[in-house]
PDB file of N, CA and C in Angstrom:
ATOM      1  N   MET A   1       0.943  -1.183   0.051  1.00  0.00           N
ATOM      2  CA  MET A   1      -0.081  -0.024   0.044  1.00  0.00           C
ATOM      3  C   MET A   1       1.013   1.238  -0.066  1.00  0.00           C
ATOM      4  N   VAL A   2       0.672   2.043  -0.926  1.00  0.00           N
ATOM      5  CA  VAL A   2       1.304   3.544  -0.769  1.00  0.00           C
ATOM      6  C   VAL A   2       0.523   4.421  -0.362  1.00  0.00           C
ATOM      7  N   THR A   3       0.932   5.229   0.500  1.00  0.00           N
ATOM      8  CA  THR A   3       0.443   6.398   1.020  1.00  0.00           C
ATOM      9  C   THR A   3       1.159   7.776   0.513  1.00  0.00           C
ATOM     10  N   THR A   4       0.196   8.724   0.141  1.00  0.00           N
ATOM     11  CA  THR A   4       1.058  10.042  -0.393  1.00  0.00           C
ATOM     12  C   THR A   4       0.108  11.149   0.341  1.00  0.00           C
ATOM     13  N   ASN A   5       1.030  12.043   0.255  1.00  0.00           N
ATOM     14  CA  ASN A   5       0.267  13.159   0.835  1.00  0.00           C
ATOM     15  C   ASN A   5      -0.321  14.394  -0.070  1.00  0.00           C
ATOM     16  N   LEU A   6      -1.607  14.253  -0.163  1.00  0.00           N
ATOM     17  CA  LEU A   6      -2.128  15.004  -1.266  1.00  0.00           C
ATOM     18  C   LEU A   6      -2.508  16.387  -0.709  1.00  0.00           C
ATOM     19  N   ILE A   7      -2.097  17.245  -1.783  1.00  0.00           N
ATOM     20  CA  ILE A   7      -2.251  18.594  -1.101  1.00  0.00           C
ATOM     21  C   ILE A   7      -3.321  19.289  -2.320  1.00  0.00           C
ATOM     22  N   GLN A   8      -4.742  19.952  -1.447  1.00  0.00           N
ATOM     23  CA  GLN A   8      -5.500  20.359  -2.396  1.00  0.00           C
ATOM     24  C   GLN A   8      -5.291  21.713  -2.795  1.00  0.00           C
ATOM     25  N   THR A   9      -5.342  21.789  -4.397  1.00  0.00           N
ATOM     26  CA  THR A   9      -4.834  23.222  -4.628  1.00  0.00           C
ATOM     27  C   THR A   9      -6.424  23.711  -4.941  1.00  0.00           C
ATOM     28  N   ILE A  10      -6.114  25.333  -4.853  1.00  0.00           N
ATOM     29  CA  ILE A  10      -7.336  26.213  -5.184  1.00  0.00           C
ATOM     30  C   ILE A  10      -6.902  27.297  -5.747  1.00  0.00           C
ATOM     31  N   ALA A  11      -7.479  28.025  -6.596  1.00  0.00           N
ATOM     32  CA  ALA A  11      -7.127  29.496  -7.113  1.00  0.00           C
ATOM     33  C   ALA A  11      -7.585  30.372  -6.375  1.00  0.00           C
ATOM     34  N   VAL A  12      -6.596  31.076  -6.214  1.00  0.00           N
ATOM     35  CA  VAL A  12      -6.868  32.690  -5.272  1.00  0.00           C
ATOM     36  C   VAL A  12      -6.925  33.831  -6.078  1.00  0.00           C
ATOM     37  N   ASN A  13      -7.556  34.581  -6.015  1.00  0.00           N
ATOM     38  CA  ASN A  13      -7.459  35.853  -6.774  1.00  0.00           C
ATOM     39  C   ASN A  13      -7.360  36.775  -5.546  1.00  0.00           C
ATOM     40  N   ILE A  14      -6.286  37.664  -5.836  1.00  0.00           N
ATOM     41  CA  ILE A  14      -5.866  38.796  -4.580  1.00  0.00           C
ATOM     42  C   ILE A  14      -5.753  39.907  -5.241  1.00  0.00           C
ATOM     43  N   PRO A  15      -6.614  40.983  -4.850  1.00  0.00           N
ATOM     44  CA  PRO A  15      -6.809  42.180  -5.562  1.00  0.00           C
ATOM     45  C   PRO A  15      -5.536  42.941  -5.222  1.00  0.00           C
ATOM     46  N   LYS A  16      -5.246  43.958  -6.227  1.00  0.00           N
ATOM     47  CA  LYS A  16      -3.813  44.423  -6.379  1.00  0.00           C
ATOM     48  C   LYS A  16      -3.759  45.574  -5.158  1.00  0.00           C
ATOM     49  N   GLU A  17      -4.884  46.063  -4.319  1.00  0.00           N
ATOM     50  CA  GLU A  17      -4.756  46.735  -3.170  1.00  0.00           C
ATOM     51  C   GLU A  17      -4.204  46.149  -2.034  1.00  0.00           C
ATOM     52  N   ILE A  18      -4.190  44.351  -2.158  1.00  0.00           N
ATOM     53  CA  ILE A  18      -3.877  43.708  -1.176  1.00  0.00           C
ATOM     54  C   ILE A  18      -2.460  43.371  -1.151  1.00  0.00           C
ATOM     55  N   ASN A  19      -1.487  43.655  -0.338  1.00  0.00           N
ATOM     56  CA  ASN A  19      -0.192  43.170  -0.329  1.00  0.00           C
ATOM     57  C   ASN A  19      -0.010  41.986   0.665  1.00  0.00           C
ATOM     58  N   LEU A  20       0.395  40.789   0.171  1.00  0.00           N
ATOM     59  CA  LEU A  20       0.830  39.957   1.037  1.00  0.00           C
ATOM     60  C   LEU A  20       2.283  39.798   1.367  1.00  0.00           C
ATOM     61  N   LYS A  21       2.800  40.000   2.789  1.00  0.00           N
ATOM     62  CA  LYS A  21       4.170  40.002   3.105  1.00  0.00           C
ATOM     63  C   LYS A  21       4.306  38.999   3.811  1.00  0.00           C
ATOM     64  N   ILE A  22       5.736  38.294   3.272  1.00  0.00           N
ATOM     65  CA  ILE A  22       6.160  37.084   4.070  1.00  0.00           C
ATOM     66  C   ILE A  22       7.575  36.943   4.043  1.00  0.00           C
ATOM     67  N   SER A  23       8.269  36.319   5.222  1.00  0.00           N
ATOM     68  CA  SER A  23       9.745  36.310   5.190  1.00  0.00           C
ATOM     69  C   SER A  23      10.360  35.295   4.104  1.00  0.00           C
ATOM     70  N   HIS A  24      11.521  35.300   3.998  1.00  0.00           N
ATOM     71  CA  HIS A  24      12.252  34.416   3.097  1.00  0.00           C
ATOM     72  C   HIS A  24      12.198  33.278   3.382  1.00  0.00           C
ATOM     73  N   GLU A  25      12.160  32.620   4.543  1.00  0.00           N
ATOM     74  CA  GLU A  25      12.053  31.422   4.869  1.00  0.00           C
ATOM     75  C   GLU A  25      10.489  30.939   4.764  1.00  0.00           C
ATOM     76  N   GLN A  26       9.531  31.765   4.699  1.00  0.00           N
ATOM     77  CA  GLN A  26       8.331  31.643   4.527  1.00  0.00           C
ATOM     78  C   GLN A  26       8.048  31.424   3.078  1.00  0.00           C
ATOM     79  N   PHE A  27       8.723  32.267   1.951  1.00  0.00           N
ATOM     80  CA  PHE A  27       8.471  32.170   0.702  1.00  0.00           C
ATOM     81  C   PHE A  27       9.089  30.849   0.233  1.00  0.00           C
ATOM     82  N   LEU A  28      10.098  30.363   0.642  1.00  0.00           N
ATOM     83  CA  LEU A  28      11.074  29.150   0.509  1.00  0.00           C
ATOM     84  C   LEU A  28      10.027  28.004   0.350  1.00  0.00           C
ATOM     85  N   GLU A  29       9.397  27.708   1.635  1.00  0.00           N
ATOM     86  CA  GLU A  29       8.273  27.031   1.993  1.00  0.00           C
ATOM     87  C   GLU A  29       6.950  26.916   1.154  1.00  0.00           C
ATOM     88  N   LEU A  30       6.486  28.132   1.082  1.00  0.00           N
ATOM     89  CA  LEU A  30       5.384  28.293   0.034  1.00  0.00           C
ATOM     90  C   LEU A  30       5.907  27.939  -1.478  1.00  0.00           C
ATOM     91  N   ALA A  31       7.031  28.401  -1.932  1.00  0.00           N
ATOM     92  CA  ALA A  31       7.280  27.856  -3.155  1.00  0.00           C
ATOM     93  C   ALA A  31       7.674  26.375  -3.281  1.00  0.00           C
ATOM     94  N   LEU A  32       8.181  25.699  -2.243  1.00  0.00           N
ATOM     95  CA  LEU A  32       8.336  24.220  -2.446  1.00  0.00           C
ATOM     96  C   LEU A  32       6.947  23.210  -2.742  1.00  0.00           C
ATOM     97  N   VAL A  33       5.914  24.027  -1.827  1.00  0.00           N
ATOM     98  CA  VAL A  33       4.722  23.147  -2.026  1.00  0.00           C
ATOM     99  C   VAL A  33       3.830  23.656  -2.956  1.00  0.00           C
ATOM    100  N   ASN A  34       4.113  24.703  -3.866  1.00  0.00           N
ATOM    101  CA  ASN A  34       3.817  25.248  -5.120  1.00  0.00           C
ATOM    102  C   ASN A  34       4.406  25.501  -6.256  1.00  0.00           C
ATOM    103  N   ARG A  35       5.026  24.295  -6.647  1.00  0.00           N
ATOM    104  CA  ARG A  35       6.100  24.169  -7.490  1.00  0.00           C
ATOM    105  C   ARG A  35       5.642  24.611  -8.972  1.00  0.00           C
ATOM    106  N   ASP A  36       4.018  24.264  -9.261  1.00  0.00           N
ATOM    107  CA  ASP A  36       3.725  25.009 -10.533  1.00  0.00           C
ATOM    108  C   ASP A  36       3.221  26.682 -10.760  1.00  0.00           C
ATOM    109  N   LEU A  37       3.429  26.978  -9.308  1.00  0.00           N
ATOM    110  CA  LEU A  37       3.164  28.601  -9.568  1.00  0.00           C
ATOM    111  C   LEU A  37       4.760  29.356  -9.856  1.00  0.00           C
ATOM    112  N   GLN A  38       4.798  30.262 -10.244  1.00  0.00           N
ATOM    113  CA  GLN A  38       5.695  31.337 -10.375  1.00  0.00           C
ATOM    114  C   GLN A  38       5.529  32.315  -9.514  1.00  0.00           C
ATOM    115  N   LEU A  39       6.416  32.305  -8.211  1.00  0.00           N
ATOM    116  CA  LEU A  39       6.273  33.095  -7.300  1.00  0.00           C
ATOM    117  C   LEU A  39       7.745  34.147  -7.303  1.00  0.00           C
ATOM    118  N   GLU A  40       7.337  35.235  -6.777  1.00  0.00           N
ATOM    119  CA  GLU A  40       8.620  36.226  -6.511  1.00  0.00           C
ATOM    120  C   GLU A  40       8.222  36.767  -5.138  1.00  0.00           C
ATOM    121  N   ARG A  41       9.218  37.183  -4.521  1.00  0.00           N
ATOM    122  CA  ARG A  41       9.501  38.022  -3.314  1.00  0.00           C
ATOM    123  C   ARG A  41      10.021  39.431  -3.525  1.00  0.00           C
ATOM    124  N   THR A  42       9.210  40.471  -3.218  1.00  0.00           N
ATOM    125  CA  THR A  42      10.313  41.670  -3.001  1.00  0.00           C
ATOM    126  C   THR A  42      11.110  41.889  -1.881  1.00  0.00           C
ATOM    127  N   ALA A  43      12.255  43.089  -1.896  1.00  0.00           N
ATOM    128  CA  ALA A  43      13.052  43.132  -0.711  1.00  0.00           C
ATOM    129  C   ALA A  43      12.068  43.382   0.431  1.00  0.00           C
ATOM    130  N   THR A  44      10.958  44.155   0.523  1.00  0.00           N
ATOM    131  CA  THR A  44      10.125  44.221   1.599  1.00  0.00           C
ATOM    132  C   THR A  44       9.355  43.065   1.959  1.00  0.00           C
ATOM    133  N   GLY A  45       9.452  41.965   1.624  1.00  0.00           N
ATOM    134  CA  GLY A  45       8.556  40.649   1.845  1.00  0.00           C
ATOM    135  C   GLY A  45       7.020  40.677   1.171  1.00  0.00           C
ATOM    136  N   GLU A  46       7.016  41.498   0.154  1.00  0.00           N
ATOM    137  CA  GLU A  46       5.577  41.534  -0.862  1.00  0.00           C
ATOM    138  C   GLU A  46       5.654  40.208  -1.561  1.00  0.00           C
ATOM    139  N   LEU A  47       4.659  39.383  -1.604  1.00  0.00           N
ATOM    140  CA  LEU A  47       4.274  38.272  -2.650  1.00  0.00           C
ATOM    141  C   LEU A  47       4.019  38.572  -3.839  1.00  0.00           C
ATOM    142  N   ILE A  48       4.644  38.290  -4.700  1.00  0.00           N
ATOM    143  CA  ILE A  48       4.132  38.393  -6.244  1.00  0.00           C
ATOM    144  C   ILE A  48       3.740  37.047  -6.922  1.00  0.00           C
ATOM    145  N   VAL A  49       2.485  36.726  -7.048  1.00  0.00           N
ATOM    146  CA  VAL A  49       2.432  35.912  -8.226  1.00  0.00           C
ATOM    147  C   VAL A  49       2.422  36.207  -9.652  1.00  0.00           C
ATOM    148  N   MET A  50       3.384  35.399 -10.522  1.00  0.00           N
ATOM    149  CA  MET A  50       3.408  35.540 -11.518  1.00  0.00           C
ATOM    150  C   MET A  50       2.636  35.042 -12.703  1.00  0.00           C
ATOM    151  N   ALA A  51       1.737  35.616 -13.449  1.00  0.00           N
ATOM    152  CA  ALA A  51       1.084  34.875 -14.569  1.00  0.00           C
ATOM    153  C   ALA A  51       2.003  34.222 -15.503  1.00  0.00           C
ATOM    154  N   PRO A  52       1.506  33.144 -16.150  1.00  0.00           N
ATOM    155  CA  PRO A  52       2.305  32.696 -17.588  1.00  0.00           C
ATOM    156  C   PRO A  52       2.351  33.617 -18.555  1.00  0.00           C
ATOM    157  N   THR A  53       3.508  33.797 -19.414  1.00  0.00           N
ATOM    158  CA  THR A  53       3.824  34.739 -20.262  1.00  0.00           C
ATOM    159  C   THR A  53       2.812  34.300 -21.613  1.00  0.00           C
ATOM    160  N   GLY A  54       2.817  35.000 -22.540  1.00  0.00           N
ATOM    161  CA  GLY A  54       2.106  34.780 -23.484  1.00  0.00           C
ATOM    162  C   GLY A  54       2.884  34.022 -24.719  1.00  0.00           C
ATOM    163  N   SER A  55       2.746  33.868 -25.724  1.00  0.00           N
ATOM    164  CA  SER A  55       3.530  33.026 -26.676  1.00  0.00           C
ATOM    165  C   SER A  55       4.380  33.961 -27.248  1.00  0.00           C
ATOM    166  N   SER A  56       4.118  35.225 -27.423  1.00  0.00           N
ATOM    167  CA  SER A  56       5.016  36.385 -27.794  1.00  0.00           C
ATOM    168  C   SER A  56       6.238  36.478 -26.973  1.00  0.00           C
ATOM    169  N   THR A  57       6.183  36.558 -25.718  1.00  0.00           N
ATOM    170  CA  THR A  57       6.753  37.023 -24.690  1.00  0.00           C
ATOM    171  C   THR A  57       7.733  35.485 -24.577  1.00  0.00           C
ATOM    172  N   GLY A  58       7.042  34.302 -24.376  1.00  0.00           N
ATOM    173  CA  GLY A  58       7.957  33.051 -24.466  1.00  0.00           C
ATOM    174  C   GLY A  58       8.929  33.084 -25.557  1.00  0.00           C
ATOM    175  N   ASN A  59       8.325  33.366 -26.705  1.00  0.00           N
ATOM    176  CA  ASN A  59       9.464  33.452 -27.816  1.00  0.00           C
ATOM    177  C   ASN A  59      10.784  34.516 -27.651  1.00  0.00           C
ATOM    178  N   ARG A  60      10.347  35.458 -27.152  1.00  0.00           N
ATOM    179  CA  ARG A  60      11.747  36.197 -26.894  1.00  0.00           C
ATOM    180  C   ARG A  60      12.477  35.970 -26.113  1.00  0.00           C
ATOM    181  N   ASN A  61      11.964  35.558 -24.931  1.00  0.00           N
ATOM    182  CA  ASN A  61      12.477  34.934 -23.991  1.00  0.00           C
ATOM    183  C   ASN A  61      13.302  33.668 -24.037  1.00  0.00           C
ATOM    184  N   SER A  62      13.034  32.885 -24.901  1.00  0.00           N
ATOM    185  CA  SER A  62      13.626  31.413 -25.369  1.00  0.00           C
ATOM    186  C   SER A  62      14.872  32.162 -26.333  1.00  0.00           C
ATOM    187  N   SER A  63      14.791  33.296 -27.028  1.00  0.00           N
ATOM    188  CA  SER A  63      15.938  33.560 -27.939  1.00  0.00           C
ATOM    189  C   SER A  63      16.791  34.480 -26.866  1.00  0.00           C
ATOM    190  N   ILE A  64      16.394  35.058 -25.880  1.00  0.00           N
ATOM    191  CA  ILE A  64      17.243  35.789 -25.103  1.00  0.00           C
ATOM    192  C   ILE A  64      18.219  34.565 -24.217  1.00  0.00           C
ATOM    193  N   THR A  65      17.582  33.691 -23.830  1.00  0.00           N
ATOM    194  CA  THR A  65      18.150  32.495 -23.191  1.00  0.00           C
ATOM    195  C   THR A  65      19.296  31.864 -24.163  1.00  0.00           C
ATOM    196  N   GLY A  66      18.675  31.672 -25.416  1.00  0.00           N
ATOM    197  CA  GLY A  66      19.223  30.956 -26.097  1.00  0.00           C
ATOM    198  C   GLY A  66      20.714  31.566 -26.627  1.00  0.00           C
ATOM    199  N   GLN A  67      20.700  32.771 -26.869  1.00  0.00           N
ATOM    200  CA  GLN A  67      21.902  33.686 -27.190  1.00  0.00           C
ATOM    201  C   GLN A  67      22.804  33.857 -26.284  1.00  0.00           C
ATOM    202  N   LEU A  68      22.083  33.882 -24.520  1.00  0.00           N
ATOM    203  CA  LEU A  68      22.870  34.128 -23.513  1.00  0.00           C
ATOM    204  C   LEU A  68      23.953  32.653 -23.547  1.00  0.00           C
ATOM    205  N   TRP A  69      23.103  31.452 -23.716  1.00  0.00           N
ATOM    206  CA  TRP A  69      23.706  30.362 -23.301  1.00  0.00           C
ATOM    207  C   TRP A  69      24.845  30.151 -24.603  1.00  0.00           C
ATOM    208  N   SER A  70      24.514  30.415 -25.698  1.00  0.00           N
ATOM    209  CA  SER A  70      25.529  30.072 -26.702  1.00  0.00           C
ATOM    210  C   SER A  70      26.902  30.907 -26.530  1.00  0.00           C
ATOM    211  N   TRP A  71      26.504  32.234 -25.993  1.00  0.00           N
ATOM    212  CA  TRP A  71      27.821  33.004 -25.878  1.00  0.00           C
ATOM    213  C   TRP A  71      28.653  32.330 -24.619  1.00  0.00           C
ATOM    214  N   ASN A  72      27.921  31.832 -23.569  1.00  0.00           N
ATOM    215  CA  ASN A  72      28.455  31.386 -22.618  1.00  0.00           C
ATOM    216  C   ASN A  72      29.221  30.237 -22.819  1.00  0.00           C
ATOM    217  N   TYR A  73      28.598  29.209 -23.460  1.00  0.00           N
ATOM    218  CA  TYR A  73      29.301  28.267 -24.204  1.00  0.00           C
ATOM    219  C   TYR A  73      30.634  28.399 -24.794  1.00  0.00           C
ATOM    220  N   GLN A  74      30.765  29.444 -25.526  1.00  0.00           N
ATOM    221  CA  GLN A  74      31.934  30.100 -26.129  1.00  0.00           C
ATOM    222  C   GLN A  74      32.991  30.494 -25.311  1.00  0.00           C
ATOM    223  N   THR A  75      32.617  31.167 -24.208  1.00  0.00           N
ATOM    224  CA  THR A  75      33.315  31.823 -23.192  1.00  0.00           C
ATOM    225  C   THR A  75      33.891  31.071 -21.929  1.00  0.00           C
ATOM    226  N   LYS A  76      32.969  30.258 -21.710  1.00  0.00           N
ATOM    227  CA  LYS A  76      33.084  29.294 -20.598  1.00  0.00           C
ATOM    228  C   LYS A  76      33.499  30.205 -19.195  1.00  0.00           C
ATOM    229  N   LEU A  77      32.628  31.420 -19.209  1.00  0.00           N
ATOM    230  CA  LEU A  77      32.760  32.295 -18.017  1.00  0.00           C
ATOM    231  C   LEU A  77      32.161  31.907 -16.676  1.00  0.00           C
ATOM    232  N   GLY A  78      30.911  31.454 -17.060  1.00  0.00           N
ATOM    233  CA  GLY A  78      29.933  31.298 -16.152  1.00  0.00           C
ATOM    234  C   GLY A  78      29.035  30.230 -16.279  1.00  0.00           C
ATOM    235  N   LYS A  79      27.537  30.453 -15.465  1.00  0.00           N
ATOM    236  CA  LYS A  79      26.669  29.445 -15.899  1.00  0.00           C
ATOM    237  C   LYS A  79      25.332  30.355 -16.231  1.00  0.00           C
ATOM    238  N   THR A  80      24.544  29.639 -17.275  1.00  0.00           N
ATOM    239  CA  THR A  80      23.476  30.366 -17.596  1.00  0.00           C
ATOM    240  C   THR A  80      22.083  29.826 -16.947  1.00  0.00           C
ATOM    241  N   PHE A  81      20.984  30.352 -16.747  1.00  0.00           N
ATOM    242  CA  PHE A  81      19.936  30.015 -16.080  1.00  0.00           C
ATOM    243  C   PHE A  81      18.393  30.642 -16.865  1.00  0.00           C
ATOM    244  N   ASP A  82      17.508  29.702 -16.785  1.00  0.00           N
ATOM    245  CA  ASP A  82      16.218  30.357 -17.439  1.00  0.00           C
ATOM    246  C   ASP A  82      15.226  30.861 -16.521  1.00  0.00           C
ATOM    247  N   SER A  83      14.322  31.085 -17.153  1.00  0.00           N
ATOM    248  CA  SER A  83      13.053  31.695 -16.011  1.00  0.00           C
ATOM    249  C   SER A  83      12.516  31.073 -14.996  1.00  0.00           C
ATOM    250  N   SER A  84      12.973  29.835 -14.915  1.00  0.00           N
ATOM    251  CA  SER A  84      12.505  28.690 -13.928  1.00  0.00           C
ATOM    252  C   SER A  84      13.305  28.701 -12.844  1.00  0.00           C
ATOM    253  N   SER A  85      14.379  29.601 -12.856  1.00  0.00           N
ATOM    254  CA  SER A  85      15.359  29.755 -11.853  1.00  0.00           C
ATOM    255  C   SER A  85      15.157  30.807 -10.918  1.00  0.00           C
ATOM    256  N   GLY A  86      15.070  30.520  -9.563  1.00  0.00           N
ATOM    257  CA  GLY A  86      14.848  31.704  -8.642  1.00  0.00           C
ATOM    258  C   GLY A  86      16.237  31.958  -7.906  1.00  0.00           C
ATOM    259  N   PHE A  87      16.533  33.282  -7.502  1.00  0.00           N
ATOM    260  CA  PHE A  87      17.608  33.616  -6.909  1.00  0.00           C
ATOM    261  C   PHE A  87      17.359  34.672  -5.851  1.00  0.00           C
ATOM    262  N   HIS A  88      17.780  34.394  -4.712  1.00  0.00           N
ATOM    263  CA  HIS A  88      17.876  35.199  -3.439  1.00  0.00           C
ATOM    264  C   HIS A  88      18.856  36.405  -3.539  1.00  0.00           C
ATOM    265  N   LEU A  89      18.387  37.456  -3.725  1.00  0.00           N
ATOM    266  CA  LEU A  89      19.172  38.695  -3.982  1.00  0.00           C
ATOM    267  C   LEU A  89      19.680  39.335  -2.689  1.00  0.00           C
ATOM    268  N   PRO A  90      20.941  39.932  -2.947  1.00  0.00           N
ATOM    269  CA  PRO A  90      21.405  40.758  -1.610  1.00  0.00           C
ATOM    270  C   PRO A  90      20.563  41.688  -1.123  1.00  0.00           C
ATOM    271  N   ASN A  91      19.506  42.072  -1.597  1.00  0.00           N
ATOM    272  CA  ASN A  91      18.443  43.364  -1.332  1.00  0.00           C
ATOM    273  C   ASN A  91      17.561  42.511  -0.270  1.00  0.00           C
ATOM    274  N   GLY A  92      17.522  41.076  -0.357  1.00  0.00           N
ATOM    275  CA  GLY A  92      16.407  40.341   0.417  1.00  0.00           C
ATOM    276  C   GLY A  92      15.265  39.848  -0.476  1.00  0.00           C
ATOM    277  N   SER A  93      15.513  40.370  -1.744  1.00  0.00           N
ATOM    278  CA  SER A  93      14.285  39.929  -2.617  1.00  0.00           C
ATOM    279  C   SER A  93      14.542  38.418  -3.116  1.00  0.00           C
ATOM    280  N   SER A  94      13.492  37.845  -3.572  1.00  0.00           N
ATOM    281  CA  SER A  94      13.686  36.475  -4.284  1.00  0.00           C
ATOM    282  C   SER A  94      13.132  36.765  -5.743  1.00  0.00           C
ATOM    283  N   ARG A  95      13.794  36.573  -6.737  1.00  0.00           N
ATOM    284  CA  ARG A  95      13.216  36.911  -8.112  1.00  0.00           C
ATOM    285  C   ARG A  95      13.643  35.916  -9.038  1.00  0.00           C
ATOM    286  N   SER A  96      13.073  35.771 -10.242  1.00  0.00           N
ATOM    287  CA  SER A  96      13.172  34.838 -11.203  1.00  0.00           C
ATOM    288  C   SER A  96      13.267  35.571 -12.613  1.00  0.00           C
ATOM    289  N   PRO A  97      14.531  35.724 -13.131  1.00  0.00           N
ATOM    290  CA  PRO A  97      14.652  36.693 -14.367  1.00  0.00           C
ATOM    291  C   PRO A  97      14.250  36.010 -15.501  1.00  0.00           C
ATOM    292  N   ASP A  98      13.849  36.563 -16.706  1.00  0.00           N
ATOM    293  CA  ASP A  98      13.824  35.855 -17.913  1.00  0.00           C
ATOM    294  C   ASP A  98      15.078  34.912 -18.024  1.00  0.00           C
ATOM    295  N   ALA A  99      16.053  35.680 -17.916  1.00  0.00           N
ATOM    296  CA  ALA A  99      17.480  34.761 -18.075  1.00  0.00           C
ATOM    297  C   ALA A  99      18.526  35.503 -17.336  1.00  0.00           C
ATOM    298  N   ALA A 100      19.497  34.575 -16.925  1.00  0.00           N
ATOM    299  CA  ALA A 100      20.509  35.145 -16.079  1.00  0.00           C
ATOM    300  C   ALA A 100      21.884  34.281 -16.355  1.00  0.00           C
ATOM    301  N   TRP A 101      22.533  35.227 -16.171  1.00  0.00           N
ATOM    302  CA  TRP A 101      24.245  34.519 -16.252  1.00  0.00           C
ATOM    303  C   TRP A 101      25.041  35.097 -14.859  1.00  0.00           C
ATOM    304  N   VAL A 102      25.448  34.006 -14.494  1.00  0.00           N
ATOM    305  CA  VAL A 102      26.262  33.932 -13.141  1.00  0.00           C
ATOM    306  C   VAL A 102      27.715  33.618 -13.407  1.00  0.00           C
ATOM    307  N   LYS A 103      28.711  34.496 -13.083  1.00  0.00           N
ATOM    308  CA  LYS A 103      30.155  34.450 -12.941  1.00  0.00           C
ATOM    309  C   LYS A 103      30.525  32.540 -12.449  1.00  0.00           C
ATOM    310  N   LEU A 104      31.508  32.187 -12.793  1.00  0.00           N
ATOM    311  CA  LEU A 104      31.737  30.846 -12.013  1.00  0.00           C
ATOM    312  C   LEU A 104      32.279  31.073 -10.918  1.00  0.00           C
ATOM    313  N   GLU A 105      33.216  32.417 -10.422  1.00  0.00           N
ATOM    314  CA  GLU A 105      33.371  32.480  -8.826  1.00  0.00           C
ATOM    315  C   GLU A 105      32.465  32.502  -8.122  1.00  0.00           C
ATOM    316  N   LYS A 106      31.175  32.941  -8.354  1.00  0.00           N
ATOM    317  CA  LYS A 106      29.913  33.147  -7.781  1.00  0.00           C
ATOM    318  C   LYS A 106      29.494  31.685  -7.206  1.00  0.00           C
TER     319      LYS A 106
END
């Protein structure tokens, strides 16, 4: 017999006037149990739920990521990341850029 922990998912509509503020640790916990959502957190702790992009934006982002990867493949100066990667920044925010590059030293 296999036992699994099932988490019921619900859609939540949050009016723009309401700011949800959470700590970095709470953000990590929330992101781990909601892997299908694109979440970001501002430096002040405001939670941002990102909607999926449209096909035009997705196509442009794919091109940017591809060009960045190709350049890095030739130079071997760092590592590249796509929009599914999240970064905890020095100002305390947690963001997921469309494309990112990080020096090997980091």
